[in-house]
Protein backbone atom coordinates (compact mmCIF):
# COMPACT_ATOMS: atom_id res chain seq x y z
CA UNK A 1 14.93 13.82 -22.40
CA UNK A 2 11.53 13.97 -20.75
CA UNK A 3 13.27 13.53 -17.24
CA UNK A 4 15.49 16.36 -18.01
CA UNK A 5 12.56 18.56 -19.08
CA UNK A 6 10.20 17.67 -16.20
CA UNK A 7 12.41 16.55 -13.42
CA UNK A 8 10.27 15.85 -10.28
CA UNK A 9 7.07 16.40 -12.21
CA UNK A 10 7.61 13.42 -14.48
CA UNK A 11 4.89 10.80 -13.64
CA UNK A 12 3.62 7.52 -14.78
CA UNK A 13 4.09 5.74 -17.11
CA UNK A 14 7.27 7.49 -17.87
CA UNK A 15 8.51 7.47 -14.31
CA UNK A 16 7.32 6.24 -10.95
CA UNK A 17 7.88 7.15 -7.26
CA UNK A 18 9.00 4.08 -5.22
CA UNK A 19 9.68 5.43 -1.70
CA UNK A 20 12.05 7.62 0.43
CA UNK A 21 13.11 9.77 -2.47
CA UNK A 22 13.78 6.96 -4.88
CA UNK A 23 12.10 6.95 -8.34
CA UNK A 24 12.23 4.41 -11.28
CA UNK A 25 12.59 5.13 -14.93
CA UNK A 26 11.62 2.32 -17.28
CA UNK A 27 14.05 1.91 -20.13
CA UNK A 28 13.86 -0.40 -23.15
CA UNK A 29 17.16 -1.57 -24.68
CA UNK A 30 17.10 -4.06 -27.54
CA UNK A 31 14.73 -6.91 -26.51
CA UNK A 32 14.98 -6.33 -22.80
CA UNK A 33 13.29 -3.93 -20.40
CA UNK A 34 15.14 -2.32 -17.43
CA UNK A 35 14.37 -0.14 -14.58
CA UNK A 36 16.75 2.71 -13.79
CA UNK A 37 16.57 3.82 -10.11
CA UNK A 38 17.42 7.43 -9.40
CA UNK A 39 16.82 10.32 -7.15
CA UNK A 40 16.63 14.08 -7.53
CA UNK A 41 19.36 16.32 -6.13
CA UNK A 42 19.05 20.01 -5.64
CA UNK A 43 16.04 20.32 -8.11
CA UNK A 44 18.50 20.44 -11.19
CA UNK A 45 20.10 16.89 -11.28
CA UNK A 46 18.77 13.36 -11.45
CA UNK A 47 21.33 10.94 -9.90
CA UNK A 48 21.19 7.45 -11.24
CA UNK A 49 21.92 4.85 -8.46
CA UNK A 50 21.77 1.70 -10.54
CA UNK A 51 19.60 -0.29 -13.00
CA UNK A 52 18.10 -3.75 -13.03
CA UNK A 53 16.27 -5.96 -15.23
CA UNK A 54 12.46 -5.43 -15.15
CA UNK A 55 10.56 -7.79 -12.85
CA UNK A 56 7.04 -7.57 -11.79
CA UNK A 57 8.10 -5.20 -8.96
CA UNK A 58 11.23 -3.64 -7.76
CA UNK A 59 12.60 -5.87 -5.02
CA UNK A 60 12.84 -3.98 -1.64
CA UNK A 61 16.57 -4.69 -1.38
CA UNK A 62 17.20 -2.89 -4.52
CA UNK A 63 15.27 0.18 -3.17
CA UNK A 64 17.33 -0.10 0.00
CA UNK A 65 20.54 -0.21 -2.06
CA UNK A 66 19.45 2.98 -3.94
CA UNK A 67 18.62 4.73 -0.64
CA UNK A 68 22.11 3.89 0.79
CA UNK A 69 23.72 5.39 -2.45
CA UNK A 70 21.58 8.47 -2.13
CA UNK A 71 22.70 9.04 1.46
CA UNK A 72 26.44 8.45 0.44
CA UNK A 73 25.92 10.92 -2.41
CA UNK A 74 24.13 13.57 -0.21
CA UNK A 75 26.78 13.46 2.40
CA UNK A 76 29.48 14.54 -0.19
CA UNK A 77 28.21 15.30 -3.72
CA UNK A 78 31.49 16.53 -4.96
CA UNK A 79 33.14 12.98 -4.55
CA UNK A 80 30.47 11.63 -7.03
CA UNK A 81 30.05 14.38 -9.49
CA UNK A 82 31.56 15.11 -12.77
CA UNK A 83 30.96 18.20 -14.85
CA UNK A 84 29.82 17.58 -18.53
CA UNK A 85 30.66 20.15 -21.24
CA UNK A 86 28.00 20.35 -23.81
């Protein structure tokens, strides 16, 4: 909800900028903690690239994976977008 409300203004400890347009959002689920990697698109959408189990730091290869997905999305957003009716 906070990401939806604040978008790119959401800061630590709720979200953190990693690099090259990729952010992380910590999420607790049952007894495990995860990091959801995402980027912001057109100032009105957060696009989730993937999630991983929380470690001490996000491995650089995971950030690179998110950057690759961001580039593919940005090249053709309609291919990866679905409309939600609320």
